[in-house]
Amino acid sequence: MPQRDNNHEMIAHIVIGELPEFTLEELSLACHTSPEFIRELIEYGTIEPEGFSPTTWRFEAMDIQITRKALRLHRDLEINSAGIALAMDLMQQMEQLRHRLTILEKHAQPLRIK
């Protein structure tokens, strides 16, 4: 759990491999963001927790990476939550297409040029 020293700010260490699930508060601490920002990501479908309410939501380790990427888009490019959802979806589609292309290239016969 986070430790507080009178002269230093709070530091949270969460090792992804040790915790299979995270609460809203733990995800917020791990990503250095507010629960409200995470709620917006959920509202737009960028991340999808297990559970029916904020008190029962559980997040996976992958949600940390997604939330951090969303934060970079928000902070660096000033993209709003709807734009983040769209950008993240397009990036995921590009990654899937790259993966498919790699597989096709491995199995395709080389073209012979005369």
Protein backbone atom coordinates (compact mmCIF):
# COMPACT_ATOMS: atom_id res chain seq x y z
CA MET A 1 0.00 0.00 0.00
CA PRO A 2 1.14 3.59 -0.47
CA GLN A 3 3.49 5.03 2.13
CA ARG A 4 3.49 8.65 3.27
CA ASP A 5 6.52 10.46 4.59
CA ASN A 6 6.03 13.93 6.09
CA ASN A 7 8.47 15.48 3.61
CA HIS A 8 7.64 13.48 0.49
CA GLU A 9 4.60 12.92 -1.68
CA MET A 10 2.70 9.65 -1.73
CA ILE A 11 4.20 6.90 -3.90
CA ALA A 12 2.17 3.89 -5.02
CA HIS A 13 3.85 0.71 -6.22
CA ILE A 14 1.67 -1.88 -7.85
CA VAL A 15 3.33 -4.86 -9.46
CA ILE A 16 1.15 -6.04 -12.32
CA GLY A 17 2.13 -9.70 -12.02
CA GLU A 18 1.08 -9.89 -8.38
CA LEU A 19 -2.50 -8.62 -8.71
CA PRO A 20 -4.83 -10.22 -11.22
CA GLU A 21 -7.47 -7.52 -10.75
CA PHE A 22 -7.55 -3.87 -9.74
CA THR A 23 -10.21 -1.70 -8.13
CA LEU A 24 -11.07 1.73 -9.51
CA GLU A 25 -8.90 3.33 -6.84
CA GLU A 26 -5.93 1.05 -7.59
CA LEU A 27 -6.17 1.72 -11.33
CA SER A 28 -6.37 5.44 -10.62
CA LEU A 29 -3.24 5.29 -8.44
CA ALA A 30 -1.32 3.11 -10.90
CA CYS A 31 -2.05 5.52 -13.75
CA HIS A 32 -1.69 8.76 -11.77
CA THR A 33 -5.11 9.96 -12.82
CA SER A 34 -8.51 10.63 -11.34
CA PRO A 35 -11.32 8.11 -11.02
CA GLU A 36 -13.42 10.57 -13.05
CA PHE A 37 -11.10 10.22 -16.06
CA ILE A 38 -11.38 6.43 -15.80
CA ARG A 39 -15.18 6.70 -15.59
CA GLU A 40 -15.13 8.68 -18.85
CA LEU A 41 -13.04 5.97 -20.51
CA ILE A 42 -15.62 3.41 -19.36
CA GLU A 43 -18.51 5.58 -20.58
CA TYR A 44 -17.01 5.68 -24.09
CA GLY A 45 -16.05 1.99 -24.09
CA THR A 46 -12.29 2.51 -24.07
CA ILE A 47 -11.98 0.16 -21.09
CA GLU A 48 -14.58 -2.30 -19.85
CA PRO A 49 -14.39 -3.37 -16.21
CA GLU A 50 -15.99 -6.45 -14.74
CA GLY A 51 -18.77 -5.59 -12.29
CA PHE A 52 -21.90 -3.49 -12.22
CA SER A 53 -20.94 -0.38 -10.26
CA PRO A 54 -17.84 1.62 -9.33
CA THR A 55 -17.56 -0.21 -6.00
CA THR A 56 -17.59 -3.64 -7.68
CA TRP A 57 -15.63 -2.77 -10.84
CA ARG A 58 -12.49 -4.85 -11.39
CA PHE A 59 -9.87 -4.07 -14.01
CA GLU A 60 -7.22 -6.22 -15.66
CA ALA A 61 -3.52 -5.42 -16.04
CA MET A 62 -4.09 -4.52 -19.71
CA ASP A 63 -6.40 -1.71 -18.53
CA ILE A 64 -3.36 0.01 -17.00
CA GLN A 65 -1.64 0.16 -20.39
CA ILE A 66 -4.82 1.32 -22.12
CA THR A 67 -5.48 4.01 -19.51
CA ARG A 68 -1.90 5.29 -19.69
CA LYS A 69 -2.08 5.47 -23.50
CA ALA A 70 -5.40 7.33 -23.22
CA LEU A 71 -3.83 9.77 -20.77
CA ARG A 72 -0.99 10.49 -23.20
CA LEU A 73 -3.50 11.22 -25.97
CA HIS A 74 -5.42 13.52 -23.63
CA ARG A 75 -2.41 15.36 -22.22
CA ASP A 76 -0.16 15.55 -25.28
CA LEU A 77 -2.76 16.09 -28.01
CA GLU A 78 -5.63 17.49 -25.93
CA ILE A 79 -8.03 14.87 -27.32
CA ASN A 80 -11.37 14.56 -25.52
CA SER A 81 -12.84 11.26 -24.29
CA ALA A 82 -14.83 10.59 -27.47
CA GLY A 83 -11.75 11.24 -29.59
CA ILE A 84 -9.66 8.99 -27.34
CA ALA A 85 -12.15 6.15 -27.83
CA LEU A 86 -12.03 6.59 -31.60
CA ALA A 87 -8.24 6.86 -31.72
CA MET A 88 -7.77 3.82 -29.49
CA ASP A 89 -10.18 1.78 -31.63
CA LEU A 90 -8.35 2.78 -34.82
CA MET A 91 -4.95 1.98 -33.27
CA GLN A 92 -6.24 -1.45 -32.22
CA GLN A 93 -7.54 -2.10 -35.74
CA MET A 94 -4.18 -1.07 -37.22
CA GLU A 95 -2.36 -3.45 -34.87
CA GLN A 96 -4.67 -6.30 -35.86
CA LEU A 97 -4.13 -5.57 -39.55
CA ARG A 98 -0.35 -5.45 -39.07
CA HIS A 99 -0.51 -8.80 -37.31
CA ARG A 100 -2.58 -10.31 -40.14
CA LEU A 101 -0.20 -8.88 -42.73
CA THR A 102 2.78 -10.40 -40.94
CA ILE A 103 1.10 -13.81 -40.95
CA LEU A 104 0.20 -13.51 -44.65
CA GLU A 105 3.74 -12.45 -45.54
CA LYS A 106 5.17 -15.49 -43.75
CA HIS A 107 2.90 -17.88 -45.64
CA ALA A 108 2.86 -16.18 -49.05
CA GLN A 109 5.06 -17.40 -51.87
CA PRO A 110 7.62 -14.84 -52.95
CA LEU A 111 6.72 -13.12 -56.21
CA ARG A 112 9.02 -13.86 -59.11
CA ILE A 113 9.93 -10.86 -61.21
CA LYS A 114 11.27 -11.60 -64.71
